[in-house]
Amino acid sequence: MNLNGIHPDVRRAMEAIELPEVNTMLQRLAKYGLGISVPHMHGTDCQFLPLPDGMVAVEDGLAGC
């Protein structure tokens, strides 16, 4: 996975998927049909950016990205 140019906060979350403790959490959650997400928003060039504190976002269509 090429993580160059990705915001450091988002990159840290993406890299964490490789950690054994995160993998264990994913396996436990998967038993219940759940998962882990990375709260983010998309910049003007569709890049992943951290979601500001207090903001909630829902992805819908992603037209143009």
PDB file of N, CA and C in Angstrom:
ATOM      1  N   MET A   1       0.848  -1.176   0.000  1.00  0.00           N
ATOM      2  CA  MET A   1       0.000   0.000   0.000  1.00  0.00           C
ATOM      3  C   MET A   1       0.895   1.241   0.000  1.00  0.00           C
ATOM      4  N   ASN A   2       0.676   2.139  -0.940  1.00  0.00           N
ATOM      5  CA  ASN A   2       1.449   3.370  -1.030  1.00  0.00           C
ATOM      6  C   ASN A   2       0.774   4.440  -0.173  1.00  0.00           C
ATOM      7  N   LEU A   3       1.447   4.835   0.915  1.00  0.00           N
ATOM      8  CA  LEU A   3       0.871   5.804   1.840  1.00  0.00           C
ATOM      9  C   LEU A   3       1.490   7.188   1.692  1.00  0.00           C
ATOM     10  N   ASN A   4       2.292   7.381   0.644  1.00  0.00           N
ATOM     11  CA  ASN A   4       2.898   8.701   0.426  1.00  0.00           C
ATOM     12  C   ASN A   4       1.818   9.730   0.137  1.00  0.00           C
ATOM     13  N   GLY A   5       1.961  10.897   0.707  1.00  0.00           N
ATOM     14  CA  GLY A   5       1.033  11.985   0.448  1.00  0.00           C
ATOM     15  C   GLY A   5      -0.256  11.897   1.244  1.00  0.00           C
ATOM     16  N   ILE A   6      -0.396  10.887   2.101  1.00  0.00           N
ATOM     17  CA  ILE A   6      -1.598  10.759   2.924  1.00  0.00           C
ATOM     18  C   ILE A   6      -1.355  11.479   4.243  1.00  0.00           C
ATOM     19  N   HIS A   7      -2.348  12.193   4.708  1.00  0.00           N
ATOM     20  CA  HIS A   7      -2.234  12.938   5.964  1.00  0.00           C
ATOM     21  C   HIS A   7      -1.737  11.987   7.067  1.00  0.00           C
ATOM     22  N   PRO A   8      -0.801  12.442   7.914  1.00  0.00           N
ATOM     23  CA  PRO A   8      -0.219  11.575   8.944  1.00  0.00           C
ATOM     24  C   PRO A   8      -1.242  10.905   9.870  1.00  0.00           C
ATOM     25  N   ASP A   9      -2.307  11.598  10.222  1.00  0.00           N
ATOM     26  CA  ASP A   9      -3.316  10.997  11.105  1.00  0.00           C
ATOM     27  C   ASP A   9      -4.044   9.855  10.416  1.00  0.00           C
ATOM     28  N   VAL A  10      -4.352  10.028   9.149  1.00  0.00           N
ATOM     29  CA  VAL A  10      -5.026   8.980   8.383  1.00  0.00           C
ATOM     30  C   VAL A  10      -4.051   7.836   8.119  1.00  0.00           C
ATOM     31  N   ARG A  11      -2.806   8.154   7.803  1.00  0.00           N
ATOM     32  CA  ARG A  11      -1.782   7.132   7.558  1.00  0.00           C
ATOM     33  C   ARG A  11      -1.587   6.256   8.788  1.00  0.00           C
ATOM     34  N   ARG A  12      -1.553   6.861   9.969  1.00  0.00           N
ATOM     35  CA  ARG A  12      -1.368   6.096  11.207  1.00  0.00           C
ATOM     36  C   ARG A  12      -2.498   5.084  11.371  1.00  0.00           C
ATOM     37  N   ALA A  13      -3.721   5.485  11.080  1.00  0.00           N
ATOM     38  CA  ALA A  13      -4.865   4.573  11.181  1.00  0.00           C
ATOM     39  C   ALA A  13      -4.749   3.451  10.148  1.00  0.00           C
ATOM     40  N   MET A  14      -4.327   3.784   8.939  1.00  0.00           N
ATOM     41  CA  MET A  14      -4.195   2.772   7.891  1.00  0.00           C
ATOM     42  C   MET A  14      -3.078   1.778   8.211  1.00  0.00           C
ATOM     43  N   GLU A  15      -2.004   2.255   8.792  1.00  0.00           N
ATOM     44  CA  GLU A  15      -0.896   1.375   9.158  1.00  0.00           C
ATOM     45  C   GLU A  15      -1.260   0.464  10.330  1.00  0.00           C
ATOM     46  N   ALA A  16      -2.157   0.924  11.190  1.00  0.00           N
ATOM     47  CA  ALA A  16      -2.527   0.162  12.384  1.00  0.00           C
ATOM     48  C   ALA A  16      -3.194  -1.161  12.034  1.00  0.00           C
ATOM     49  N   ILE A  17      -3.751  -1.281  10.844  1.00  0.00           N
ATOM     50  CA  ILE A  17      -4.415  -2.514  10.444  1.00  0.00           C
ATOM     51  C   ILE A  17      -3.451  -3.703  10.498  1.00  0.00           C
ATOM     52  N   GLU A  18      -2.151  -3.432  10.411  1.00  0.00           N
ATOM     53  CA  GLU A  18      -1.140  -4.492  10.446  1.00  0.00           C
ATOM     54  C   GLU A  18      -0.767  -4.914  11.871  1.00  0.00           C
ATOM     55  N   LEU A  19      -1.173  -4.155  12.870  1.00  0.00           N
ATOM     56  CA  LEU A  19      -0.808  -4.473  14.252  1.00  0.00           C
ATOM     57  C   LEU A  19      -1.592  -5.683  14.748  1.00  0.00           C
ATOM     58  N   PRO A  20      -0.924  -6.598  15.456  1.00  0.00           N
ATOM     59  CA  PRO A  20      -1.609  -7.797  15.946  1.00  0.00           C
ATOM     60  C   PRO A  20      -2.836  -7.491  16.803  1.00  0.00           C
ATOM     61  N   GLU A  21      -2.766  -6.466  17.659  1.00  0.00           N
ATOM     62  CA  GLU A  21      -3.908  -6.174  18.525  1.00  0.00           C
ATOM     63  C   GLU A  21      -5.104  -5.652  17.727  1.00  0.00           C
ATOM     64  N   VAL A  22      -4.838  -4.923  16.640  1.00  0.00           N
ATOM     65  CA  VAL A  22      -5.921  -4.436  15.795  1.00  0.00           C
ATOM     66  C   VAL A  22      -6.522  -5.599  15.007  1.00  0.00           C
ATOM     67  N   ASN A  23      -5.670  -6.492  14.520  1.00  0.00           N
ATOM     68  CA  ASN A  23      -6.151  -7.674  13.818  1.00  0.00           C
ATOM     69  C   ASN A  23      -7.039  -8.527  14.714  1.00  0.00           C
ATOM     70  N   THR A  24      -6.653  -8.662  15.981  1.00  0.00           N
ATOM     71  CA  THR A  24      -7.469  -9.408  16.939  1.00  0.00           C
ATOM     72  C   THR A  24      -8.819  -8.738  17.127  1.00  0.00           C
ATOM     73  N   MET A  25      -8.826  -7.413  17.244  1.00  0.00           N
ATOM     74  CA  MET A  25     -10.093  -6.683  17.378  1.00  0.00           C
ATOM     75  C   MET A  25     -10.980  -6.904  16.157  1.00  0.00           C
ATOM     76  N   LEU A  26     -10.375  -6.855  14.967  1.00  0.00           N
ATOM     77  CA  LEU A  26     -11.141  -7.058  13.737  1.00  0.00           C
ATOM     78  C   LEU A  26     -11.784  -8.441  13.704  1.00  0.00           C
ATOM     79  N   GLN A  27     -11.032  -9.448  14.095  1.00  0.00           N
ATOM     80  CA  GLN A  27     -11.562 -10.803  14.099  1.00  0.00           C
ATOM     81  C   GLN A  27     -12.725 -10.933  15.079  1.00  0.00           C
ATOM     82  N   ARG A  28     -12.603 -10.332  16.248  1.00  0.00           N
ATOM     83  CA  ARG A  28     -13.686 -10.397  17.232  1.00  0.00           C
ATOM     84  C   ARG A  28     -14.929  -9.660  16.735  1.00  0.00           C
ATOM     85  N   LEU A  29     -14.734  -8.487  16.161  1.00  0.00           N
ATOM     86  CA  LEU A  29     -15.861  -7.714  15.647  1.00  0.00           C
ATOM     87  C   LEU A  29     -16.540  -8.417  14.472  1.00  0.00           C
ATOM     88  N   ALA A  30     -15.744  -9.067  13.633  1.00  0.00           N
ATOM     89  CA  ALA A  30     -16.283  -9.736  12.445  1.00  0.00           C
ATOM     90  C   ALA A  30     -17.281 -10.826  12.814  1.00  0.00           C
ATOM     91  N   LYS A  31     -17.120 -11.440  13.974  1.00  0.00           N
ATOM     92  CA  LYS A  31     -18.062 -12.473  14.426  1.00  0.00           C
ATOM     93  C   LYS A  31     -19.476 -11.916  14.557  1.00  0.00           C
ATOM     94  N   TYR A  32     -19.589 -10.604  14.731  1.00  0.00           N
ATOM     95  CA  TYR A  32     -20.882  -9.942  14.919  1.00  0.00           C
ATOM     96  C   TYR A  32     -21.275  -9.088  13.719  1.00  0.00           C
ATOM     97  N   GLY A  33     -20.542  -9.247  12.623  1.00  0.00           N
ATOM     98  CA  GLY A  33     -20.843  -8.457  11.426  1.00  0.00           C
ATOM     99  C   GLY A  33     -20.429  -7.009  11.546  1.00  0.00           C
ATOM    100  N   LEU A  34     -19.481  -6.730  12.438  1.00  0.00           N
ATOM    101  CA  LEU A  34     -19.012  -5.359  12.659  1.00  0.00           C
ATOM    102  C   LEU A  34     -17.596  -5.191  12.128  1.00  0.00           C
ATOM    103  N   GLY A  35     -17.120  -3.970  12.076  1.00  0.00           N
ATOM    104  CA  GLY A  35     -15.772  -3.693  11.608  1.00  0.00           C
ATOM    105  C   GLY A  35     -15.227  -2.421  12.225  1.00  0.00           C
ATOM    106  N   ILE A  36     -14.105  -1.998  11.722  1.00  0.00           N
ATOM    107  CA  ILE A  36     -13.433  -0.783  12.176  1.00  0.00           C
ATOM    108  C   ILE A  36     -13.389   0.175  10.988  1.00  0.00           C
ATOM    109  N   SER A  37     -13.659   1.439  11.237  1.00  0.00           N
ATOM    110  CA  SER A  37     -13.585   2.423  10.157  1.00  0.00           C
ATOM    111  C   SER A  37     -12.608   3.531  10.532  1.00  0.00           C
ATOM    112  N   VAL A  38     -12.209   4.280   9.533  1.00  0.00           N
ATOM    113  CA  VAL A  38     -11.334   5.430   9.734  1.00  0.00           C
ATOM    114  C   VAL A  38     -12.171   6.679   9.468  1.00  0.00           C
ATOM    115  N   PRO A  39     -12.539   7.429  10.513  1.00  0.00           N
ATOM    116  CA  PRO A  39     -13.290   8.662  10.291  1.00  0.00           C
ATOM    117  C   PRO A  39     -12.443   9.608   9.428  1.00  0.00           C
ATOM    118  N   HIS A  40     -13.017  10.063   8.332  1.00  0.00           N
ATOM    119  CA  HIS A  40     -12.269  10.925   7.415  1.00  0.00           C
ATOM    120  C   HIS A  40     -13.235  11.748   6.579  1.00  0.00           C
ATOM    121  N   MET A  41     -12.658  12.711   5.888  1.00  0.00           N
ATOM    122  CA  MET A  41     -13.395  13.466   4.891  1.00  0.00           C
ATOM    123  C   MET A  41     -12.516  13.526   3.650  1.00  0.00           C
ATOM    124  N   HIS A  42     -13.060  14.014   2.554  1.00  0.00           N
ATOM    125  CA  HIS A  42     -12.306  14.092   1.313  1.00  0.00           C
ATOM    126  C   HIS A  42     -12.039  15.540   0.963  1.00  0.00           C
ATOM    127  N   GLY A  43     -10.779  15.816   0.598  1.00  0.00           N
ATOM    128  CA  GLY A  43     -10.396  17.161   0.192  1.00  0.00           C
ATOM    129  C   GLY A  43     -10.818  17.442  -1.240  1.00  0.00           C
ATOM    130  N   THR A  44     -10.448  18.589  -1.748  1.00  0.00           N
ATOM    131  CA  THR A  44     -10.849  19.003  -3.087  1.00  0.00           C
ATOM    132  C   THR A  44     -10.314  18.071  -4.172  1.00  0.00           C
ATOM    133  N   ASP A  45      -9.195  17.404  -3.914  1.00  0.00           N
ATOM    134  CA  ASP A  45      -8.627  16.444  -4.866  1.00  0.00           C
ATOM    135  C   ASP A  45      -8.941  15.013  -4.465  1.00  0.00           C
ATOM    136  N   CYS A  46      -9.984  14.836  -3.643  1.00  0.00           N
ATOM    137  CA  CYS A  46     -10.456  13.528  -3.179  1.00  0.00           C
ATOM    138  C   CYS A  46      -9.487  12.843  -2.212  1.00  0.00           C
ATOM    139  N   GLN A  47      -8.490  13.552  -1.718  1.00  0.00           N
ATOM    140  CA  GLN A  47      -7.564  12.939  -0.770  1.00  0.00           C
ATOM    141  C   GLN A  47      -8.266  12.716   0.569  1.00  0.00           C
ATOM    142  N   PHE A  48      -7.799  11.711   1.307  1.00  0.00           N
ATOM    143  CA  PHE A  48      -8.327  11.434   2.638  1.00  0.00           C
ATOM    144  C   PHE A  48      -7.748  12.433   3.629  1.00  0.00           C
ATOM    145  N   LEU A  49      -8.613  13.054   4.403  1.00  0.00           N
ATOM    146  CA  LEU A  49      -8.204  14.004   5.434  1.00  0.00           C
ATOM    147  C   LEU A  49      -8.857  13.594   6.750  1.00  0.00           C
ATOM    148  N   PRO A  50      -8.220  13.905   7.885  1.00  0.00           N
ATOM    149  CA  PRO A  50      -8.842  13.571   9.164  1.00  0.00           C
ATOM    150  C   PRO A  50     -10.138  14.344   9.355  1.00  0.00           C
ATOM    151  N   LEU A  51     -11.069  13.724  10.019  1.00  0.00           N
ATOM    152  CA  LEU A  51     -12.340  14.363  10.316  1.00  0.00           C
ATOM    153  C   LEU A  51     -12.149  15.276  11.524  1.00  0.00           C
ATOM    154  N   PRO A  52     -12.518  16.538  11.423  1.00  0.00           N
ATOM    155  CA  PRO A  52     -12.356  17.443  12.565  1.00  0.00           C
ATOM    156  C   PRO A  52     -13.161  16.974  13.776  1.00  0.00           C
ATOM    157  N   ASP A  53     -12.663  17.272  14.967  1.00  0.00           N
ATOM    158  CA  ASP A  53     -13.372  16.926  16.198  1.00  0.00           C
ATOM    159  C   ASP A  53     -14.786  17.481  16.157  1.00  0.00           C
ATOM    160  N   GLY A  54     -15.725  16.682  16.606  1.00  0.00           N
ATOM    161  CA  GLY A  54     -17.102  17.125  16.676  1.00  0.00           C
ATOM    162  C   GLY A  54     -17.883  17.001  15.376  1.00  0.00           C
ATOM    163  N   MET A  55     -17.229  16.547  14.306  1.00  0.00           N
ATOM    164  CA  MET A  55     -17.910  16.410  13.018  1.00  0.00           C
ATOM    165  C   MET A  55     -18.227  14.948  12.757  1.00  0.00           C
ATOM    166  N   VAL A  56     -19.389  14.708  12.189  1.00  0.00           N
ATOM    167  CA  VAL A  56     -19.807  13.373  11.771  1.00  0.00           C
ATOM    168  C   VAL A  56     -19.989  13.419  10.259  1.00  0.00           C
ATOM    169  N   ALA A  57     -19.540  12.364   9.575  1.00  0.00           N
ATOM    170  CA  ALA A  57     -19.660  12.341   8.120  1.00  0.00           C
ATOM    171  C   ALA A  57     -20.240  11.008   7.665  1.00  0.00           C
ATOM    172  N   VAL A  58     -20.978  11.062   6.565  1.00  0.00           N
ATOM    173  CA  VAL A  58     -21.522   9.858   5.936  1.00  0.00           C
ATOM    174  C   VAL A  58     -21.148   9.922   4.466  1.00  0.00           C
ATOM    175  N   GLU A  59     -20.588   8.825   3.944  1.00  0.00           N
ATOM    176  CA  GLU A  59     -20.222   8.778   2.529  1.00  0.00           C
ATOM    177  C   GLU A  59     -21.477   8.516   1.718  1.00  0.00           C
ATOM    178  N   ASP A  60     -21.606   9.230   0.601  1.00  0.00           N
ATOM    179  CA  ASP A  60     -22.787   9.073  -0.232  1.00  0.00           C
ATOM    180  C   ASP A  60     -22.429   9.307  -1.692  1.00  0.00           C
ATOM    181  N   GLY A  61     -22.108   8.260  -2.397  1.00  0.00           N
ATOM    182  CA  GLY A  61     -21.897   8.385  -3.831  1.00  0.00           C
ATOM    183  C   GLY A  61     -20.491   8.722  -4.272  1.00  0.00           C
ATOM    184  N   LEU A  62     -19.833   9.634  -3.596  1.00  0.00           N
ATOM    185  CA  LEU A  62     -18.490  10.088  -3.948  1.00  0.00           C
ATOM    186  C   LEU A  62     -18.365  10.486  -5.418  1.00  0.00           C
ATOM    187  N   ALA A  63     -19.346  11.152  -5.938  1.00  0.00           N
ATOM    188  CA  ALA A  63     -19.300  11.627  -7.310  1.00  0.00           C
ATOM    189  C   ALA A  63     -18.071  12.512  -7.507  1.00  0.00           C
ATOM    190  N   GLY A  64     -17.295  12.220  -8.521  1.00  0.00           N
ATOM    191  CA  GLY A  64     -16.131  13.033  -8.827  1.00  0.00           C
ATOM    192  C   GLY A  64     -14.846  12.565  -8.165  1.00  0.00           C
ATOM    193  N   CYS A  65     -14.906  11.560  -7.302  1.00  0.00           N
ATOM    194  CA  CYS A  65     -13.677  11.043  -6.654  1.00  0.00           C
ATOM    195  C   CYS A  65     -13.316   9.691  -7.210  1.00  0.00           C
TER     196      CYS A  65
END
